[in-house]
Protein backbone atom coordinates (compact mmCIF):
# COMPACT_ATOMS: atom_id res chain seq x y z
CA MET A 1 -22.94 92.16 -49.20
CA LYS A 2 -19.46 92.84 -51.52
CA THR A 3 -17.37 91.27 -48.72
CA THR A 4 -19.93 88.31 -47.99
CA HIS A 5 -19.96 87.54 -51.60
CA LYS A 6 -15.90 87.54 -51.94
CA LEU A 7 -16.09 85.30 -48.97
CA LYS A 8 -18.62 82.95 -50.40
CA LYS A 9 -16.21 82.81 -53.03
CA PHE A 10 -13.24 82.09 -51.12
CA PHE A 11 -14.26 79.51 -49.33
CA LEU A 12 -16.15 78.09 -52.64
CA THR A 13 -12.51 78.35 -54.50
CA LEU A 14 -10.84 76.41 -51.13
CA THR A 15 -13.66 73.68 -51.05
CA ILE A 16 -12.68 72.83 -55.02
CA LEU A 17 -9.26 73.22 -54.14
CA ILE A 18 -9.37 70.40 -50.97
CA ILE A 19 -11.35 68.47 -53.02
CA SER A 20 -8.62 68.30 -56.04
CA ILE A 21 -5.51 67.90 -53.59
CA ALA A 22 -7.72 64.96 -51.84
CA SER A 23 -8.41 63.91 -55.55
CA ILE A 24 -4.66 64.01 -56.55
CA THR A 25 -3.57 62.61 -53.40
CA LEU A 26 -5.61 59.49 -53.37
CA LEU A 27 -5.19 59.13 -57.17
CA PRO A 28 -1.85 56.93 -56.88
CA LEU A 29 -3.64 54.75 -54.32
CA GLY A 30 -6.67 54.12 -56.75
CA LEU A 31 -4.54 53.27 -59.33
CA THR A 32 -2.01 50.96 -57.30
CA GLY A 33 -5.78 49.28 -56.06
CA CYS A 34 -6.51 49.03 -59.59
CA GLY A 35 -3.64 47.98 -60.20
CA GLN A 36 -3.55 44.83 -58.39
CA THR A 37 -7.29 44.43 -59.48
CA SER A 38 -6.18 44.25 -62.73
CA LYS A 39 -3.22 41.82 -61.74
CA ILE A 40 -5.65 39.42 -60.11
CA ASP A 41 -8.21 39.57 -62.74
CA LYS A 42 -5.59 39.34 -65.49
CA THR A 43 -4.29 35.88 -64.11
CA ASN A 44 -7.65 35.04 -63.48
CA ASN A 45 -8.85 35.49 -67.04
CA THR A 46 -5.82 33.56 -68.38
CA LYS A 47 -6.35 30.84 -66.18
CA SER A 48 -10.04 30.74 -67.15
CA ASN A 49 -9.07 31.55 -70.82
CA SER A 50 -6.43 28.66 -70.48
CA SER A 51 -9.23 26.30 -69.43
CA THR A 52 -11.50 27.41 -71.71
CA THR A 53 -9.23 26.53 -74.68
CA GLU A 54 -8.59 22.88 -73.02
CA ASN A 55 -12.55 22.74 -72.59
CA THR A 56 -13.43 24.00 -76.13
CA SER A 57 -9.81 22.01 -78.10
CA SER A 58 -12.26 18.75 -77.10
CA THR A 59 -14.94 16.73 -75.04
CA ASN A 60 -12.27 15.82 -72.74
CA PRO A 61 -12.27 18.53 -70.14
CA ASN A 62 -8.72 17.13 -69.14
CA LYS A 63 -6.64 16.51 -72.49
CA THR A 64 -4.02 18.84 -71.10
CA ASN A 65 -3.12 16.34 -68.23
CA THR A 66 -3.59 13.19 -70.42
CA ALA A 67 -1.22 14.71 -72.83
CA THR A 68 1.36 15.32 -70.21
CA SER A 69 0.65 11.49 -68.74
CA SER A 70 1.27 10.30 -72.35
CA ILE A 71 4.24 11.95 -72.87
CA ASN A 72 5.26 10.91 -69.01
CA SER A 73 4.25 7.02 -69.91
CA SER A 74 5.95 7.23 -73.37
CA GLU A 75 9.45 8.46 -71.05
CA ILE A 76 8.47 5.61 -68.85
CA SER A 77 8.29 2.97 -71.69
CA ASN A 78 10.92 4.33 -73.82
CA LYS A 79 13.92 3.53 -71.33
CA VAL A 80 14.31 0.10 -71.88
CA GLU A 81 14.11 0.66 -75.22
CA GLN A 82 16.92 3.24 -75.44
CA ILE A 83 19.02 1.05 -73.43
CA LYS A 84 18.71 -1.47 -76.16
CA LYS A 85 19.06 0.79 -79.02
CA SER A 86 22.12 2.33 -77.12
CA GLY A 87 23.39 -1.51 -76.51
CA VAL A 88 24.88 -0.67 -73.36
CA LEU A 89 23.64 -0.86 -69.70
CA VAL A 90 25.30 1.96 -67.44
CA LEU A 91 25.69 0.80 -63.92
CA GLY A 92 27.28 3.21 -61.10
CA THR A 93 28.64 1.77 -58.16
CA SER A 94 31.81 2.27 -55.30
CA ALA A 95 34.26 -0.61 -56.27
CA ASP A 96 35.98 -0.18 -52.80
CA TYR A 97 33.45 -2.84 -50.88
CA PRO A 98 34.72 -6.57 -51.52
CA PRO A 99 32.67 -8.80 -51.64
CA TYR A 100 29.99 -6.46 -53.77
CA GLU A 101 32.01 -4.63 -56.00
CA PHE A 102 35.97 -3.93 -55.81
CA HIS A 103 39.42 -4.10 -58.04
CA LYS A 104 41.12 -6.93 -58.92
CA ILE A 105 44.10 -7.38 -61.39
CA ILE A 106 42.98 -9.89 -63.60
CA ASN A 107 45.78 -10.64 -66.52
CA GLY A 108 47.61 -7.72 -65.50
CA LYS A 109 44.32 -5.39 -65.90
CA ASP A 110 42.50 -3.69 -63.44
CA GLU A 111 39.12 -5.21 -63.04
CA ILE A 112 36.14 -4.34 -61.55
CA ILE A 113 34.64 -7.55 -60.20
CA GLY A 114 32.57 -8.44 -57.70
CA PHE A 115 28.70 -10.35 -56.79
CA ASP A 116 26.97 -6.99 -57.44
CA VAL A 117 28.95 -6.72 -61.05
CA ASP A 118 28.05 -10.45 -61.64
CA ILE A 119 24.21 -9.48 -60.94
CA ALA A 120 24.19 -6.50 -63.51
CA ARG A 121 25.62 -8.52 -66.16
CA GLU A 122 23.02 -10.85 -65.43
CA ILE A 123 20.43 -7.85 -65.59
CA ALA A 124 22.30 -6.52 -68.83
CA SER A 125 22.22 -9.64 -70.60
CA ASP A 126 18.75 -9.65 -70.24
CA LEU A 127 17.73 -6.71 -71.75
CA GLY A 128 20.42 -8.17 -74.66
CA VAL A 129 22.84 -5.55 -74.54
CA LYS A 130 26.67 -4.87 -72.76
CA LEU A 131 27.80 -4.14 -69.20
CA LYS A 132 29.79 -0.16 -69.07
CA ILE A 133 30.61 0.54 -65.26
CA LYS A 134 31.06 3.19 -63.88
CA ASP A 135 33.19 3.71 -60.75
CA MET A 136 32.92 6.63 -58.35
CA LYS A 137 32.26 7.74 -54.32
CA PHE A 138 29.07 6.05 -52.86
CA GLU A 139 27.79 10.07 -52.35
CA GLY A 140 28.35 10.76 -56.42
CA LEU A 141 25.65 7.96 -57.22
CA LEU A 142 22.43 9.09 -56.49
CA PRO A 143 23.12 12.09 -58.53
CA SER A 144 24.07 10.47 -61.26
CA LEU A 145 21.69 8.07 -61.49
CA GLN A 146 19.25 11.54 -61.18
CA THR A 147 21.05 13.17 -63.76
CA GLY A 148 21.10 10.30 -66.32
CA LYS A 149 24.87 9.20 -65.89
CA ILE A 150 24.24 6.19 -65.17
CA ASP A 151 21.23 3.96 -65.67
CA ILE A 152 21.32 1.90 -62.33
CA ILE A 153 22.91 1.85 -59.25
CA ILE A 154 24.10 -1.09 -57.69
CA ALA A 155 26.26 -0.80 -54.78
CA GLY A 156 25.30 -2.35 -51.58
CA MET A 157 23.01 0.18 -50.97
CA THR A 158 20.77 -0.22 -48.66
CA PRO A 159 16.56 1.13 -49.77
CA SER A 160 16.36 3.71 -46.79
CA GLN A 161 12.82 5.24 -47.01
CA GLU A 162 15.45 8.86 -47.49
CA ARG A 163 16.16 7.26 -50.44
CA LYS A 164 13.05 5.75 -51.44
CA LYS A 165 12.11 9.65 -51.79
CA ALA A 166 14.49 10.39 -54.60
CA VAL A 167 14.71 6.98 -56.51
CA ASP A 168 12.88 3.29 -57.13
CA PHE A 169 14.24 0.19 -55.50
CA SER A 170 14.47 -3.22 -56.61
CA ARG A 171 13.52 -5.99 -54.51
CA ASN A 172 15.94 -6.55 -51.88
CA TYR A 173 18.72 -9.18 -53.31
CA TYR A 174 20.57 -9.98 -50.13
CA GLN A 175 20.78 -8.71 -46.60
CA ALA A 176 23.94 -8.39 -44.00
CA GLU A 177 24.65 -8.23 -40.74
CA GLN A 178 26.70 -5.13 -39.84
CA LYS A 179 29.67 -6.02 -38.56
CA PHE A 180 32.83 -3.87 -36.51
CA LEU A 181 36.02 -3.81 -38.15
CA VAL A 182 39.14 -3.24 -35.78
CA ARG A 183 42.82 -3.65 -35.02
CA LYS A 184 43.49 -7.41 -34.28
CA SER A 185 45.43 -5.92 -30.99
CA ASP A 186 42.36 -4.33 -29.97
CA SER A 187 39.96 -6.81 -30.66
CA ASN A 188 39.55 -8.32 -26.80
CA LYS A 189 38.33 -4.68 -25.87
CA PHE A 190 35.27 -4.69 -27.73
CA LYS A 191 32.33 -7.32 -26.58
CA SER A 192 28.91 -4.75 -26.79
CA ILE A 193 27.77 -2.32 -28.51
CA ASP A 194 28.46 0.24 -25.04
CA ASP A 195 32.50 -0.34 -25.74
CA LEU A 196 32.22 1.76 -28.55
CA LYS A 197 31.12 5.03 -26.55
CA SER A 198 33.05 7.72 -27.01
CA LEU A 199 35.63 5.99 -29.70
CA ASN A 200 36.72 7.48 -33.52
CA ILE A 201 34.01 5.16 -35.52
CA GLY A 202 34.59 5.23 -38.86
CA VAL A 203 32.16 4.54 -41.72
CA GLN A 204 31.67 5.14 -45.43
CA LYS A 205 29.73 8.78 -46.14
CA SER A 206 25.99 8.76 -47.08
CA THR A 207 25.57 4.76 -45.75
CA ILE A 208 23.19 3.18 -43.12
CA GLN A 209 26.59 2.45 -41.29
CA GLU A 210 27.04 6.56 -41.08
CA LYS A 211 23.34 6.62 -39.95
CA ILE A 212 23.84 3.44 -37.68
CA ALA A 213 27.05 5.28 -35.87
CA LYS A 214 25.29 8.71 -34.93
CA THR A 215 22.14 7.24 -34.18
CA LYS A 216 23.17 4.01 -31.49
CA ILE A 217 26.36 4.85 -30.03
CA GLN A 218 26.78 7.42 -27.43
CA CYS A 219 29.03 9.83 -28.20
CA ALA A 220 30.43 8.53 -30.67
CA ASN A 221 33.51 10.95 -32.74
CA VAL A 222 31.72 9.76 -36.30
CA VAL A 223 34.63 9.98 -39.40
CA SER A 224 32.98 9.39 -42.62
CA LEU A 225 34.75 9.20 -45.61
CA GLY A 226 34.19 8.79 -48.94
CA LYS A 227 35.99 5.15 -49.99
CA ILE A 228 36.19 2.36 -46.96
CA THR A 229 40.19 2.02 -48.39
CA ASP A 230 40.79 5.80 -47.01
CA LEU A 231 38.83 4.07 -43.87
CA VAL A 232 41.22 1.05 -43.14
CA LEU A 233 44.18 3.16 -43.97
CA GLN A 234 43.13 5.24 -40.90
CA LEU A 235 42.19 2.60 -38.94
CA LYS A 236 45.55 0.91 -39.26
CA SER A 237 47.35 4.10 -38.81
CA LYS A 238 45.36 4.29 -35.37
CA LYS A 239 43.17 7.99 -36.27
CA ILE A 240 40.68 5.74 -35.85
CA ASP A 241 39.33 2.91 -34.00
CA GLY A 242 37.44 0.70 -35.97
CA ILE A 243 34.83 0.59 -39.21
CA ILE A 244 31.57 -0.27 -39.42
CA LEU A 245 30.95 -2.27 -42.24
CA GLU A 246 28.36 -5.08 -43.78
CA GLY A 247 29.62 -8.39 -42.16
CA PRO A 248 30.80 -9.60 -45.52
CA VAL A 249 32.86 -6.33 -46.97
CA ALA A 250 34.37 -6.60 -43.07
CA THR A 251 35.48 -9.85 -43.46
CA ALA A 252 37.10 -9.55 -46.48
CA TYR A 253 39.07 -6.85 -45.42
CA ALA A 254 40.02 -8.62 -42.64
CA ASN A 255 40.90 -11.84 -44.53
CA SER A 256 43.29 -9.88 -46.51
CA SER A 257 45.06 -7.89 -43.79
CA ASP A 258 47.03 -9.40 -40.94
CA ASP A 259 46.46 -6.66 -38.62
CA LEU A 260 42.93 -6.72 -38.74
CA GLU A 261 40.02 -9.12 -37.36
CA VAL A 262 36.02 -8.45 -36.76
CA ALA A 263 35.48 -7.71 -33.29
CA ASN A 264 32.47 -9.65 -31.65
CA ILE A 265 29.90 -7.43 -31.65
CA ASN A 266 25.73 -7.51 -32.83
CA LEU A 267 25.47 -4.27 -34.44
CA GLY A 268 22.34 -5.56 -35.40
CA LYS A 269 21.04 -6.92 -39.36
CA GLU A 270 20.37 -4.76 -42.17
CA ASP A 271 17.34 -3.92 -44.10
CA GLY A 272 18.68 -5.69 -46.95
CA VAL A 273 20.09 -4.21 -50.36
CA ALA A 274 18.84 -3.46 -53.71
CA ILE A 275 18.85 -1.77 -57.06
CA ALA A 276 18.32 1.71 -57.56
CA ILE A 277 16.74 3.53 -60.66
CA LYS A 278 15.22 6.84 -61.31
CA LYS A 279 11.61 7.38 -60.76
CA GLY A 280 9.23 6.11 -63.58
CA GLN A 281 11.62 3.21 -64.63
CA ALA A 282 8.45 0.85 -64.57
CA LYS A 283 9.67 -1.20 -67.60
CA LEU A 284 13.14 -1.13 -66.48
CA LEU A 285 12.30 -2.05 -63.18
CA ASP A 286 10.07 -4.73 -63.99
CA SER A 287 12.84 -6.60 -66.06
CA ILE A 288 15.35 -5.86 -63.16
CA ASN A 289 13.05 -7.96 -61.02
CA ASN A 290 12.55 -10.72 -63.32
CA THR A 291 16.59 -11.45 -63.53
CA LEU A 292 16.82 -11.00 -59.53
CA GLU A 293 13.69 -13.54 -59.14
CA ARG A 294 15.31 -15.99 -61.59
CA LEU A 295 19.17 -15.71 -59.65
CA ILE A 296 17.57 -15.81 -56.38
CA LYS A 297 15.13 -18.87 -57.37
CA ASN A 298 18.64 -20.58 -59.48
CA ASN A 299 20.59 -19.97 -55.80
CA LYS A 300 23.09 -17.82 -58.58
CA ILE A 301 23.10 -14.77 -55.76
CA SER A 302 24.81 -16.99 -53.28
CA ASN A 303 27.26 -19.12 -55.63
CA PHE A 304 28.12 -15.26 -56.97
CA ILE A 305 29.04 -14.17 -53.33
CA VAL A 306 31.09 -17.15 -52.52
CA ASN A 307 32.81 -16.88 -55.56
CA SER A 308 33.90 -13.00 -55.05
CA THR A 309 34.52 -13.59 -51.05
CA LYS A 310 37.24 -15.71 -52.50
CA LEU A 311 38.30 -13.53 -54.66
CA ALA A 312 38.54 -10.89 -52.19
CA GLU A 313 40.34 -13.01 -50.10
CA ASP A 314 43.04 -13.25 -52.67
CA ASN A 315 43.42 -9.90 -53.46
């Protein structure tokens, strides 16, 4: 009897011990589970409280969104005012692209000129401000626009779908054919795009011409550089076989160099060129488009192109 009692007591103690161990073992899991639930609940509660605060602070449940929209609208409308207040419109360009934009010594001073610059001056004039030009490599233009270092880009830029994801564009103000600049001694070698197969093709980095070389020319070895002038040096030293350029640019370089010529190859027309601005600046975009419409209507852009081409030929 005594032995039986001891056995019962032993099994009771053992059972209690097992239950205790199981409880201790499961405790962290329970805590973890509670912790996770608590974290989710806390997040949900915070969101709920935030929503409640928004709703109770106004009869309009979208007060916070409206406020954000107001701030954004204010920033959009203020860009034109900011430019007018500063008295300066900052143009970003890559001045190695005659007759669009290029360097020329005028009265002993290095000036950036071209029909893009003429257009920029008209835009600045319509805004009642002066024009400041920042010259940089083409691939640096979009980042500079995004960070606010420049206000607009006018640089013979094609408004591709990829670029439209990052910036807003004006209406197109010019459209040109794509041409192939070669050494004059090689010009008879090139009659069609098939003749460019497996050649060393020069293009400016991050341009529509780079895309053409990579997608339309079979087995091309594409040489992408930041400056057209560097590509021309590569062409003259026979490191590349030719350069894809817009028609007016190719013609300008050919006319300014006795050993270069534009090959008789049809590489197609581009989608046109436009002016880029930071996304959301609607009033600035309207002002730019109004200026462009006036210039196109009055045939001013055509005159700018003729004059700039003549200046580029004399360069």
